[in-house]
Amino acid sequence: MRKLLLLCLSVVLVGGLIKYTYISNKSKDINYAVENYFTTGIFNEYKMYQISSSDLSFSNGTVAVVKIDGTEKKIPHKKVAYSVFLEKTSRGTWKVKKVYPDEVAAKNEY
């Protein structure tokens, strides 16, 4: 029984490490980093059901601003828009630093 528990624990740890490495490697692409951040996560308050458009509005190679819009994950799936501030880490992956709700898009819906 103890060996089975140890085997299951090691499989889960190796699987988690493989998933982390895969996502970290894919996050070198700014579009993947933004899409992964906004479509995954259990406690993500900015989680979206679908991203309709993504526009890179500024980038100097180390920092970037991306404007996205799409539909919320929460029912009734309202249309939302965000400006996302990203920063490139020392490993070359993009990391979301700050998310700003885009008020102009929200006002245009009504």
PDB file of N, CA and C in Angstrom:
ATOM      1  N   MET A   1       0.832  -1.193   0.000  1.00  0.00           N
ATOM      2  CA  MET A   1       0.000   0.000   0.000  1.00  0.00           C
ATOM      3  C   MET A   1       0.876   1.256   0.000  1.00  0.00           C
ATOM      4  N   ARG A   2       1.946   1.202   0.764  1.00  0.00           N
ATOM      5  CA  ARG A   2       2.846   2.339   0.860  1.00  0.00           C
ATOM      6  C   ARG A   2       3.571   2.586  -0.457  1.00  0.00           C
ATOM      7  N   LYS A   3       3.953   1.505  -1.129  1.00  0.00           N
ATOM      8  CA  LYS A   3       4.635   1.626  -2.407  1.00  0.00           C
ATOM      9  C   LYS A   3       3.709   2.211  -3.461  1.00  0.00           C
ATOM     10  N   LEU A   4       2.448   1.831  -3.434  1.00  0.00           N
ATOM     11  CA  LEU A   4       1.466   2.352  -4.376  1.00  0.00           C
ATOM     12  C   LEU A   4       1.265   3.853  -4.168  1.00  0.00           C
ATOM     13  N   LEU A   5       1.176   4.285  -2.931  1.00  0.00           N
ATOM     14  CA  LEU A   5       1.022   5.698  -2.613  1.00  0.00           C
ATOM     15  C   LEU A   5       2.250   6.487  -3.065  1.00  0.00           C
ATOM     16  N   LEU A   6       3.415   5.948  -2.829  1.00  0.00           N
ATOM     17  CA  LEU A   6       4.658   6.588  -3.248  1.00  0.00           C
ATOM     18  C   LEU A   6       4.744   6.668  -4.775  1.00  0.00           C
ATOM     19  N   LEU A   7       4.326   5.616  -5.456  1.00  0.00           N
ATOM     20  CA  LEU A   7       4.316   5.600  -6.913  1.00  0.00           C
ATOM     21  C   LEU A   7       3.344   6.640  -7.468  1.00  0.00           C
ATOM     22  N   CYS A   8       2.150   6.713  -6.903  1.00  0.00           N
ATOM     23  CA  CYS A   8       1.152   7.692  -7.353  1.00  0.00           C
ATOM     24  C   CYS A   8       1.641   9.126  -7.121  1.00  0.00           C
ATOM     25  N   LEU A   9       2.241   9.367  -5.978  1.00  0.00           N
ATOM     26  CA  LEU A   9       2.769  10.691  -5.660  1.00  0.00           C
ATOM     27  C   LEU A   9       3.882  11.087  -6.632  1.00  0.00           C
ATOM     28  N   SER A  10       4.760  10.158  -6.942  1.00  0.00           N
ATOM     29  CA  SER A  10       5.847  10.470  -7.873  1.00  0.00           C
ATOM     30  C   SER A  10       5.321  10.698  -9.288  1.00  0.00           C
ATOM     31  N   VAL A  11       4.300   9.978  -9.713  1.00  0.00           N
ATOM     32  CA  VAL A  11       3.700  10.189 -11.034  1.00  0.00           C
ATOM     33  C   VAL A  11       3.059  11.576 -11.107  1.00  0.00           C
ATOM     34  N   VAL A  12       2.375  11.985 -10.052  1.00  0.00           N
ATOM     35  CA  VAL A  12       1.750  13.305 -10.020  1.00  0.00           C
ATOM     36  C   VAL A  12       2.817  14.399 -10.051  1.00  0.00           C
ATOM     37  N   LEU A  13       3.887  14.233  -9.303  1.00  0.00           N
ATOM     38  CA  LEU A  13       4.958  15.229  -9.295  1.00  0.00           C
ATOM     39  C   LEU A  13       5.652  15.334 -10.652  1.00  0.00           C
ATOM     40  N   VAL A  14       5.939  14.220 -11.273  1.00  0.00           N
ATOM     41  CA  VAL A  14       6.579  14.233 -12.593  1.00  0.00           C
ATOM     42  C   VAL A  14       5.630  14.846 -13.626  1.00  0.00           C
ATOM     43  N   GLY A  15       4.359  14.512 -13.556  1.00  0.00           N
ATOM     44  CA  GLY A  15       3.371  15.096 -14.466  1.00  0.00           C
ATOM     45  C   GLY A  15       3.268  16.603 -14.299  1.00  0.00           C
ATOM     46  N   GLY A  16       3.270  17.074 -13.059  1.00  0.00           N
ATOM     47  CA  GLY A  16       3.230  18.512 -12.789  1.00  0.00           C
ATOM     48  C   GLY A  16       4.464  19.230 -13.303  1.00  0.00           C
ATOM     49  N   LEU A  17       5.624  18.594 -13.148  1.00  0.00           N
ATOM     50  CA  LEU A  17       6.868  19.169 -13.640  1.00  0.00           C
ATOM     51  C   LEU A  17       6.863  19.251 -15.171  1.00  0.00           C
ATOM     52  N   ILE A  18       6.365  18.227 -15.820  1.00  0.00           N
ATOM     53  CA  ILE A  18       6.286  18.225 -17.284  1.00  0.00           C
ATOM     54  C   ILE A  18       5.324  19.324 -17.762  1.00  0.00           C
ATOM     55  N   LYS A  19       4.179  19.464 -17.103  1.00  0.00           N
ATOM     56  CA  LYS A  19       3.211  20.496 -17.474  1.00  0.00           C
ATOM     57  C   LYS A  19       3.791  21.888 -17.279  1.00  0.00           C
ATOM     58  N   TYR A  20       4.484  22.110 -16.157  1.00  0.00           N
ATOM     59  CA  TYR A  20       5.098  23.411 -15.879  1.00  0.00           C
ATOM     60  C   TYR A  20       6.157  23.738 -16.933  1.00  0.00           C
ATOM     61  N   THR A  21       6.981  22.773 -17.285  1.00  0.00           N
ATOM     62  CA  THR A  21       8.027  22.978 -18.289  1.00  0.00           C
ATOM     63  C   THR A  21       7.413  23.276 -19.657  1.00  0.00           C
ATOM     64  N   TYR A  22       6.363  22.566 -20.018  1.00  0.00           N
ATOM     65  CA  TYR A  22       5.689  22.777 -21.295  1.00  0.00           C
ATOM     66  C   TYR A  22       5.101  24.184 -21.383  1.00  0.00           C
ATOM     67  N   ILE A  23       4.363  24.594 -20.360  1.00  0.00           N
ATOM     68  CA  ILE A  23       3.740  25.921 -20.356  1.00  0.00           C
ATOM     69  C   ILE A  23       4.803  27.007 -20.331  1.00  0.00           C
ATOM     70  N   SER A  24       5.844  26.803 -19.560  1.00  0.00           N
ATOM     71  CA  SER A  24       6.926  27.773 -19.488  1.00  0.00           C
ATOM     72  C   SER A  24       7.608  27.927 -20.847  1.00  0.00           C
ATOM     73  N   ASN A  25       7.823  26.839 -21.545  1.00  0.00           N
ATOM     74  CA  ASN A  25       8.448  26.895 -22.856  1.00  0.00           C
ATOM     75  C   ASN A  25       7.532  27.568 -23.881  1.00  0.00           C
ATOM     76  N   LYS A  26       6.242  27.271 -23.839  1.00  0.00           N
ATOM     77  CA  LYS A  26       5.284  27.852 -24.782  1.00  0.00           C
ATOM     78  C   LYS A  26       5.036  29.341 -24.499  1.00  0.00           C
ATOM     79  N   SER A  27       5.283  29.790 -23.247  1.00  0.00           N
ATOM     80  CA  SER A  27       5.045  31.181 -22.877  1.00  0.00           C
ATOM     81  C   SER A  27       6.094  32.127 -23.443  1.00  0.00           C
ATOM     82  N   LYS A  28       7.027  31.631 -24.213  1.00  0.00           N
ATOM     83  CA  LYS A  28       7.973  32.506 -24.901  1.00  0.00           C
ATOM     84  C   LYS A  28       7.269  33.237 -26.033  1.00  0.00           C
ATOM     85  N   ASP A  29       6.117  32.724 -26.450  1.00  0.00           N
ATOM     86  CA  ASP A  29       5.265  33.384 -27.435  1.00  0.00           C
ATOM     87  C   ASP A  29       4.255  34.244 -26.673  1.00  0.00           C
ATOM     88  N   ILE A  30       4.222  35.528 -26.974  1.00  0.00           N
ATOM     89  CA  ILE A  30       3.376  36.461 -26.228  1.00  0.00           C
ATOM     90  C   ILE A  30       1.892  36.137 -26.389  1.00  0.00           C
ATOM     91  N   ASN A  31       1.473  35.686 -27.559  1.00  0.00           N
ATOM     92  CA  ASN A  31       0.061  35.341 -27.776  1.00  0.00           C
ATOM     93  C   ASN A  31      -0.357  34.155 -26.916  1.00  0.00           C
ATOM     94  N   TYR A  32       0.509  33.150 -26.817  1.00  0.00           N
ATOM     95  CA  TYR A  32       0.202  31.994 -25.971  1.00  0.00           C
ATOM     96  C   TYR A  32       0.124  32.405 -24.505  1.00  0.00           C
ATOM     97  N   ALA A  33       1.038  33.259 -24.060  1.00  0.00           N
ATOM     98  CA  ALA A  33       1.050  33.688 -22.662  1.00  0.00           C
ATOM     99  C   ALA A  33      -0.247  34.402 -22.297  1.00  0.00           C
ATOM    100  N   VAL A  34      -0.714  35.278 -23.177  1.00  0.00           N
ATOM    101  CA  VAL A  34      -1.961  36.013 -22.915  1.00  0.00           C
ATOM    102  C   VAL A  34      -3.153  35.062 -22.932  1.00  0.00           C
ATOM    103  N   GLU A  35      -3.219  34.209 -23.941  1.00  0.00           N
ATOM    104  CA  GLU A  35      -4.345  33.268 -24.049  1.00  0.00           C
ATOM    105  C   GLU A  35      -4.376  32.299 -22.869  1.00  0.00           C
ATOM    106  N   ASN A  36      -3.233  31.795 -22.458  1.00  0.00           N
ATOM    107  CA  ASN A  36      -3.162  30.872 -21.330  1.00  0.00           C
ATOM    108  C   ASN A  36      -3.611  31.558 -20.035  1.00  0.00           C
ATOM    109  N   TYR A  37      -3.190  32.797 -19.830  1.00  0.00           N
ATOM    110  CA  TYR A  37      -3.559  33.522 -18.614  1.00  0.00           C
ATOM    111  C   TYR A  37      -5.067  33.769 -18.539  1.00  0.00           C
ATOM    112  N   PHE A  38      -5.673  34.137 -19.655  1.00  0.00           N
ATOM    113  CA  PHE A  38      -7.083  34.522 -19.631  1.00  0.00           C
ATOM    114  C   PHE A  38      -8.061  33.369 -19.817  1.00  0.00           C
ATOM    115  N   THR A  39      -7.607  32.185 -20.170  1.00  0.00           N
ATOM    116  CA  THR A  39      -8.546  31.075 -20.379  1.00  0.00           C
ATOM    117  C   THR A  39      -8.353  29.930 -19.392  1.00  0.00           C
ATOM    118  N   THR A  40      -7.395  30.035 -18.471  1.00  0.00           N
ATOM    119  CA  THR A  40      -7.175  28.971 -17.488  1.00  0.00           C
ATOM    120  C   THR A  40      -7.195  29.539 -16.077  1.00  0.00           C
ATOM    121  N   GLY A  41      -7.223  28.652 -15.114  1.00  0.00           N
ATOM    122  CA  GLY A  41      -7.165  29.055 -13.713  1.00  0.00           C
ATOM    123  C   GLY A  41      -8.510  28.935 -13.028  1.00  0.00           C
ATOM    124  N   ILE A  42      -8.486  28.415 -11.836  1.00  0.00           N
ATOM    125  CA  ILE A  42      -9.726  28.227 -11.082  1.00  0.00           C
ATOM    126  C   ILE A  42     -10.173  29.538 -10.430  1.00  0.00           C
ATOM    127  N   PHE A  43      -9.235  30.279  -9.852  1.00  0.00           N
ATOM    128  CA  PHE A  43      -9.570  31.494  -9.119  1.00  0.00           C
ATOM    129  C   PHE A  43      -9.243  32.763  -9.900  1.00  0.00           C
ATOM    130  N   ASN A  44      -9.143  32.681 -11.208  1.00  0.00           N
ATOM    131  CA  ASN A  44      -8.800  33.818 -12.052  1.00  0.00           C
ATOM    132  C   ASN A  44     -10.026  34.711 -12.219  1.00  0.00           C
ATOM    133  N   GLU A  45      -9.961  35.938 -11.705  1.00  0.00           N
ATOM    134  CA  GLU A  45     -11.107  36.846 -11.797  1.00  0.00           C
ATOM    135  C   GLU A  45     -11.285  37.396 -13.212  1.00  0.00           C
ATOM    136  N   TYR A  46     -10.267  37.307 -14.061  1.00  0.00           N
ATOM    137  CA  TYR A  46     -10.340  37.788 -15.428  1.00  0.00           C
ATOM    138  C   TYR A  46     -10.557  36.657 -16.437  1.00  0.00           C
ATOM    139  N   LYS A  47     -10.941  35.492 -15.977  1.00  0.00           N
ATOM    140  CA  LYS A  47     -11.092  34.330 -16.851  1.00  0.00           C
ATOM    141  C   LYS A  47     -12.151  34.595 -17.916  1.00  0.00           C
ATOM    142  N   MET A  48     -11.795  34.249 -19.146  1.00  0.00           N
ATOM    143  CA  MET A  48     -12.682  34.487 -20.281  1.00  0.00           C
ATOM    144  C   MET A  48     -13.092  33.168 -20.917  1.00  0.00           C
ATOM    145  N   TYR A  49     -14.279  33.160 -21.475  1.00  0.00           N
ATOM    146  CA  TYR A  49     -14.783  31.991 -22.191  1.00  0.00           C
ATOM    147  C   TYR A  49     -14.104  31.881 -23.542  1.00  0.00           C
ATOM    148  N   GLN A  50     -13.950  33.023 -24.187  1.00  0.00           N
ATOM    149  CA  GLN A  50     -13.369  33.053 -25.523  1.00  0.00           C
ATOM    150  C   GLN A  50     -12.731  34.417 -25.751  1.00  0.00           C
ATOM    151  N   ILE A  51     -11.565  34.437 -26.401  1.00  0.00           N
ATOM    152  CA  ILE A  51     -10.901  35.679 -26.777  1.00  0.00           C
ATOM    153  C   ILE A  51     -11.220  35.940 -28.248  1.00  0.00           C
ATOM    154  N   SER A  52     -11.888  37.066 -28.516  1.00  0.00           N
ATOM    155  CA  SER A  52     -12.265  37.400 -29.890  1.00  0.00           C
ATOM    156  C   SER A  52     -11.108  38.007 -30.665  1.00  0.00           C
ATOM    157  N   SER A  53     -10.425  38.975 -30.048  1.00  0.00           N
ATOM    158  CA  SER A  53      -9.307  39.607 -30.738  1.00  0.00           C
ATOM    159  C   SER A  53      -8.212  39.969 -29.740  1.00  0.00           C
ATOM    160  N   SER A  54      -7.006  40.015 -30.258  1.00  0.00           N
ATOM    161  CA  SER A  54      -5.837  40.337 -29.456  1.00  0.00           C
ATOM    162  C   SER A  54      -4.931  41.229 -30.303  1.00  0.00           C
ATOM    163  N   ASP A  55      -4.679  42.445 -29.825  1.00  0.00           N
ATOM    164  CA  ASP A  55      -3.859  43.395 -30.572  1.00  0.00           C
ATOM    165  C   ASP A  55      -2.686  43.870 -29.715  1.00  0.00           C
ATOM    166  N   LEU A  56      -1.498  43.729 -30.247  1.00  0.00           N
ATOM    167  CA  LEU A  56      -0.293  44.217 -29.578  1.00  0.00           C
ATOM    168  C   LEU A  56      -0.209  45.712 -29.834  1.00  0.00           C
ATOM    169  N   SER A  57      -0.344  46.520 -28.772  1.00  0.00           N
ATOM    170  CA  SER A  57      -0.333  47.964 -28.974  1.00  0.00           C
ATOM    171  C   SER A  57       1.030  48.585 -28.689  1.00  0.00           C
ATOM    172  N   PHE A  58       1.875  47.930 -27.879  1.00  0.00           N
ATOM    173  CA  PHE A  58       3.214  48.440 -27.612  1.00  0.00           C
ATOM    174  C   PHE A  58       4.126  47.288 -27.204  1.00  0.00           C
ATOM    175  N   SER A  59       5.359  47.327 -27.678  1.00  0.00           N
ATOM    176  CA  SER A  59       6.376  46.371 -27.246  1.00  0.00           C
ATOM    177  C   SER A  59       7.754  46.928 -27.561  1.00  0.00           C
ATOM    178  N   ASN A  60       8.650  46.823 -26.567  1.00  0.00           N
ATOM    179  CA  ASN A  60      10.030  47.203 -26.819  1.00  0.00           C
ATOM    180  C   ASN A  60      10.969  46.011 -26.619  1.00  0.00           C
ATOM    181  N   GLY A  61      10.427  44.822 -26.530  1.00  0.00           N
ATOM    182  CA  GLY A  61      11.221  43.610 -26.374  1.00  0.00           C
ATOM    183  C   GLY A  61      11.245  43.084 -24.950  1.00  0.00           C
ATOM    184  N   THR A  62      11.098  43.957 -23.964  1.00  0.00           N
ATOM    185  CA  THR A  62      11.089  43.509 -22.567  1.00  0.00           C
ATOM    186  C   THR A  62       9.756  43.766 -21.871  1.00  0.00           C
ATOM    187  N   VAL A  63       9.025  44.769 -22.328  1.00  0.00           N
ATOM    188  CA  VAL A  63       7.676  45.026 -21.809  1.00  0.00           C
ATOM    189  C   VAL A  63       6.740  45.156 -22.999  1.00  0.00           C
ATOM    190  N   ALA A  64       5.473  44.829 -22.781  1.00  0.00           N
ATOM    191  CA  ALA A  64       4.490  44.900 -23.858  1.00  0.00           C
ATOM    192  C   ALA A  64       3.114  45.203 -23.289  1.00  0.00           C
ATOM    193  N   VAL A  65       2.281  45.813 -24.107  1.00  0.00           N
ATOM    194  CA  VAL A  65       0.884  46.067 -23.774  1.00  0.00           C
ATOM    195  C   VAL A  65       0.038  45.440 -24.876  1.00  0.00           C
ATOM    196  N   VAL A  66      -0.880  44.565 -24.472  1.00  0.00           N
ATOM    197  CA  VAL A  66      -1.757  43.876 -25.413  1.00  0.00           C
ATOM    198  C   VAL A  66      -3.200  44.204 -25.052  1.00  0.00           C
ATOM    199  N   LYS A  67      -3.994  44.562 -26.049  1.00  0.00           N
ATOM    200  CA  LYS A  67      -5.423  44.814 -25.834  1.00  0.00           C
ATOM    201  C   LYS A  67      -6.186  43.602 -26.335  1.00  0.00           C
ATOM    202  N   ILE A  68      -7.036  43.050 -25.472  1.00  0.00           N
ATOM    203  CA  ILE A  68      -7.831  41.884 -25.854  1.00  0.00           C
ATOM    204  C   ILE A  68      -9.302  42.148 -25.568  1.00  0.00           C
ATOM    205  N   ASP A  69     -10.154  41.467 -26.294  1.00  0.00           N
ATOM    206  CA  ASP A  69     -11.582  41.487 -25.977  1.00  0.00           C
ATOM    207  C   ASP A  69     -12.176  40.130 -26.291  1.00  0.00           C
ATOM    208  N   GLY A  70     -13.279  39.865 -25.621  1.00  0.00           N
ATOM    209  CA  GLY A  70     -13.937  38.574 -25.766  1.00  0.00           C
ATOM    210  C   GLY A  70     -15.128  38.495 -24.838  1.00  0.00           C
ATOM    211  N   THR A  71     -15.518  37.271 -24.482  1.00  0.00           N
ATOM    212  CA  THR A  71     -16.666  37.071 -23.608  1.00  0.00           C
ATOM    213  C   THR A  71     -16.226  36.497 -22.267  1.00  0.00           C
ATOM    214  N   GLU A  72     -16.905  36.935 -21.219  1.00  0.00           N
ATOM    215  CA  GLU A  72     -16.629  36.460 -19.858  1.00  0.00           C
ATOM    216  C   GLU A  72     -16.966  34.990 -19.714  1.00  0.00           C
ATOM    217  N   LYS A  73     -16.327  34.338 -18.759  1.00  0.00           N
ATOM    218  CA  LYS A  73     -16.643  32.938 -18.460  1.00  0.00           C
ATOM    219  C   LYS A  73     -17.957  32.834 -17.691  1.00  0.00           C
ATOM    220  N   LYS A  74     -18.233  33.847 -16.863  1.00  0.00           N
ATOM    221  CA  LYS A  74     -19.458  33.828 -16.052  1.00  0.00           C
ATOM    222  C   LYS A  74     -20.680  34.067 -16.924  1.00  0.00           C
ATOM    223  N   ILE A  75     -21.740  33.369 -16.596  1.00  0.00           N
ATOM    224  CA  ILE A  75     -23.013  33.558 -17.299  1.00  0.00           C
ATOM    225  C   ILE A  75     -23.554  34.917 -16.914  1.00  0.00           C
ATOM    226  N   PRO A  76     -24.011  35.757 -17.758  1.00  0.00           N
ATOM    227  CA  PRO A  76     -24.530  35.645 -19.116  1.00  0.00           C
ATOM    228  C   PRO A  76     -23.493  35.944 -20.209  1.00  0.00           C
ATOM    229  N   HIS A  77     -22.237  35.697 -19.981  1.00  0.00           N
ATOM    230  CA  HIS A  77     -21.163  35.848 -20.966  1.00  0.00           C
ATOM    231  C   HIS A  77     -21.135  37.241 -21.581  1.00  0.00           C
ATOM    232  N   LYS A  78     -20.989  38.260 -20.738  1.00  0.00           N
ATOM    233  CA  LYS A  78     -20.915  39.635 -21.226  1.00  0.00           C
ATOM    234  C   LYS A  78     -19.624  39.851 -22.008  1.00  0.00           C
ATOM    235  N   LYS A  79     -19.659  40.827 -22.896  1.00  0.00           N
ATOM    236  CA  LYS A  79     -18.471  41.183 -23.658  1.00  0.00           C
ATOM    237  C   LYS A  79     -17.568  42.045 -22.768  1.00  0.00           C
ATOM    238  N   VAL A  80     -16.286  41.694 -22.719  1.00  0.00           N
ATOM    239  CA  VAL A  80     -15.325  42.430 -21.903  1.00  0.00           C
ATOM    240  C   VAL A  80     -14.083  42.735 -22.731  1.00  0.00           C
ATOM    241  N   ALA A  81     -13.344  43.755 -22.285  1.00  0.00           N
ATOM    242  CA  ALA A  81     -12.095  44.124 -22.944  1.00  0.00           C
ATOM    243  C   ALA A  81     -11.082  44.502 -21.865  1.00  0.00           C
ATOM    244  N   TYR A  82      -9.834  44.142 -22.092  1.00  0.00           N
ATOM    245  CA  TYR A  82      -8.765  44.413 -21.138  1.00  0.00           C
ATOM    246  C   TYR A  82      -7.535  44.919 -21.858  1.00  0.00           C
ATOM    247  N   SER A  83      -6.761  45.737 -21.156  1.00  0.00           N
ATOM    248  CA  SER A  83      -5.413  46.083 -21.571  1.00  0.00           C
ATOM    249  C   SER A  83      -4.492  45.341 -20.624  1.00  0.00           C
ATOM    250  N   VAL A  84      -3.550  44.576 -21.175  1.00  0.00           N
ATOM    251  CA  VAL A  84      -2.705  43.695 -20.386  1.00  0.00           C
ATOM    252  C   VAL A  84      -1.257  44.168 -20.470  1.00  0.00           C
ATOM    253  N   PHE A  85      -0.631  44.359 -19.313  1.00  0.00           N
ATOM    254  CA  PHE A  85       0.774  44.743 -19.239  1.00  0.00           C
ATOM    255  C   PHE A  85       1.595  43.489 -18.968  1.00  0.00           C
ATOM    256  N   LEU A  86       2.514  43.149 -19.883  1.00  0.00           N
ATOM    257  CA  LEU A  86       3.348  41.953 -19.754  1.00  0.00           C
ATOM    258  C   LEU A  86       4.820  42.349 -19.649  1.00  0.00           C
ATOM    259  N   GLU A  87       5.581  41.488 -19.003  1.00  0.00           N
ATOM    260  CA  GLU A  87       7.013  41.709 -18.854  1.00  0.00           C
ATOM    261  C   GLU A  87       7.740  40.419 -19.191  1.00  0.00           C
ATOM    262  N   LYS A  88       8.864  40.546 -19.874  1.00  0.00           N
ATOM    263  CA  LYS A  88       9.656  39.379 -20.247  1.00  0.00           C
ATOM    264  C   LYS A  88      10.613  39.050 -19.105  1.00  0.00           C
ATOM    265  N   THR A  89      10.627  37.792 -18.678  1.00  0.00           N
ATOM    266  CA  THR A  89      11.496  37.370 -17.586  1.00  0.00           C
ATOM    267  C   THR A  89      12.906  37.107 -18.101  1.00  0.00           C
ATOM    268  N   SER A  90      13.811  36.814 -17.197  1.00  0.00           N
ATOM    269  CA  SER A  90      15.197  36.540 -17.580  1.00  0.00           C
ATOM    270  C   SER A  90      15.320  35.250 -18.385  1.00  0.00           C
ATOM    271  N   ARG A  91      14.339  34.352 -18.259  1.00  0.00           N
ATOM    272  CA  ARG A  91      14.344  33.105 -19.037  1.00  0.00           C
ATOM    273  C   ARG A  91      13.715  33.261 -20.415  1.00  0.00           C
ATOM    274  N   GLY A  92      13.237  34.468 -20.715  1.00  0.00           N
ATOM    275  CA  GLY A  92      12.662  34.728 -22.035  1.00  0.00           C
ATOM    276  C   GLY A  92      11.184  34.444 -22.148  1.00  0.00           C
ATOM    277  N   THR A  93      10.492  34.201 -21.048  1.00  0.00           N
ATOM    278  CA  THR A  93       9.052  33.953 -21.084  1.00  0.00           C
ATOM    279  C   THR A  93       8.301  35.226 -20.723  1.00  0.00           C
ATOM    280  N   TRP A  94       7.099  35.372 -21.252  1.00  0.00           N
ATOM    281  CA  TRP A  94       6.266  36.532 -20.967  1.00  0.00           C
ATOM    282  C   TRP A  94       5.394  36.252 -19.744  1.00  0.00           C
ATOM    283  N   LYS A  95       5.318  37.221 -18.847  1.00  0.00           N
ATOM    284  CA  LYS A  95       4.532  37.079 -17.627  1.00  0.00           C
ATOM    285  C   LYS A  95       3.602  38.284 -17.506  1.00  0.00           C
ATOM    286  N   VAL A  96       2.328  38.013 -17.217  1.00  0.00           N
ATOM    287  CA  VAL A  96       1.345  39.080 -17.040  1.00  0.00           C
ATOM    288  C   VAL A  96       1.616  39.760 -15.703  1.00  0.00           C
ATOM    289  N   LYS A  97       1.825  41.077 -15.742  1.00  0.00           N
ATOM    290  CA  LYS A  97       2.086  41.842 -14.520  1.00  0.00           C
ATOM    291  C   LYS A  97       0.843  42.563 -14.019  1.00  0.00           C
ATOM    292  N   LYS A  98       0.054  43.143 -14.932  1.00  0.00           N
ATOM    293  CA  LYS A  98      -1.114  43.913 -14.516  1.00  0.00           C
ATOM    294  C   LYS A  98      -2.175  43.843 -15.602  1.00  0.00           C
ATOM    295  N   VAL A  99      -3.430  43.793 -15.193  1.00  0.00           N
ATOM    296  CA  VAL A  99      -4.569  43.773 -16.111  1.00  0.00           C
ATOM    297  C   VAL A  99      -5.441  44.980 -15.801  1.00  0.00           C
ATOM    298  N   TYR A 100      -5.732  45.749 -16.845  1.00  0.00           N
ATOM    299  CA  TYR A 100      -6.578  46.925 -16.705  1.00  0.00           C
ATOM    300  C   TYR A 100      -7.866  46.710 -17.484  1.00  0.00           C
ATOM    301  N   PRO A 101      -9.032  46.754 -16.812  1.00  0.00           N
ATOM    302  CA  PRO A 101     -10.299  46.650 -17.549  1.00  0.00           C
ATOM    303  C   PRO A 101     -10.444  47.845 -18.482  1.00  0.00           C
ATOM    304  N   ASP A 102     -10.894  47.614 -19.687  1.00  0.00           N
ATOM    305  CA  ASP A 102     -11.059  48.663 -20.688  1.00  0.00           C
ATOM    306  C   ASP A 102     -12.473  49.201 -20.568  1.00  0.00           C
ATOM    307  N   GLU A 103     -12.622  50.381 -20.014  1.00  0.00           N
ATOM    308  CA  GLU A 103     -13.941  50.967 -19.751  1.00  0.00           C
ATOM    309  C   GLU A 103     -14.646  51.401 -21.027  1.00  0.00           C
ATOM    310  N   VAL A 104     -13.915  51.768 -22.056  1.00  0.00           N
ATOM    311  CA  VAL A 104     -14.530  52.246 -23.301  1.00  0.00           C
ATOM    312  C   VAL A 104     -15.361  51.146 -23.945  1.00  0.00           C
ATOM    313  N   ALA A 105     -14.854  49.939 -23.975  1.00  0.00           N
ATOM    314  CA  ALA A 105     -15.587  48.817 -24.578  1.00  0.00           C
ATOM    315  C   ALA A 105     -16.834  48.496 -23.773  1.00  0.00           C
ATOM    316  N   ALA A 106     -16.747  48.594 -22.454  1.00  0.00           N
ATOM    317  CA  ALA A 106     -17.903  48.283 -21.615  1.00  0.00           C
ATOM    318  C   ALA A 106     -19.020  49.309 -21.834  1.00  0.00           C
ATOM    319  N   LYS A 107     -18.677  50.585 -22.031  1.00  0.00           N
ATOM    320  CA  LYS A 107     -19.681  51.621 -22.251  1.00  0.00           C
ATOM    321  C   LYS A 107     -20.323  51.479 -23.624  1.00  0.00           C
ATOM    322  N   ASN A 108     -19.585  51.044 -24.628  1.00  0.00           N
ATOM    323  CA  ASN A 108     -20.114  50.914 -25.976  1.00  0.00           C
ATOM    324  C   ASN A 108     -21.136  49.811 -26.108  1.00  0.00           C
ATOM    325  N   GLU A 109     -21.132  48.868 -25.175  1.00  0.00           N
ATOM    326  CA  GLU A 109     -22.059  47.733 -25.275  1.00  0.00           C
ATOM    327  C   GLU A 109     -23.481  48.166 -24.977  1.00  0.00           C
ATOM    328  N   TYR A 110     -23.665  49.188 -24.147  1.00  0.00           N
ATOM    329  CA  TYR A 110     -25.008  49.578 -23.743  1.00  0.00           C
ATOM    330  C   TYR A 110     -25.485  50.700 -24.572  1.00  0.00           C
TER     331      TYR A 110
END
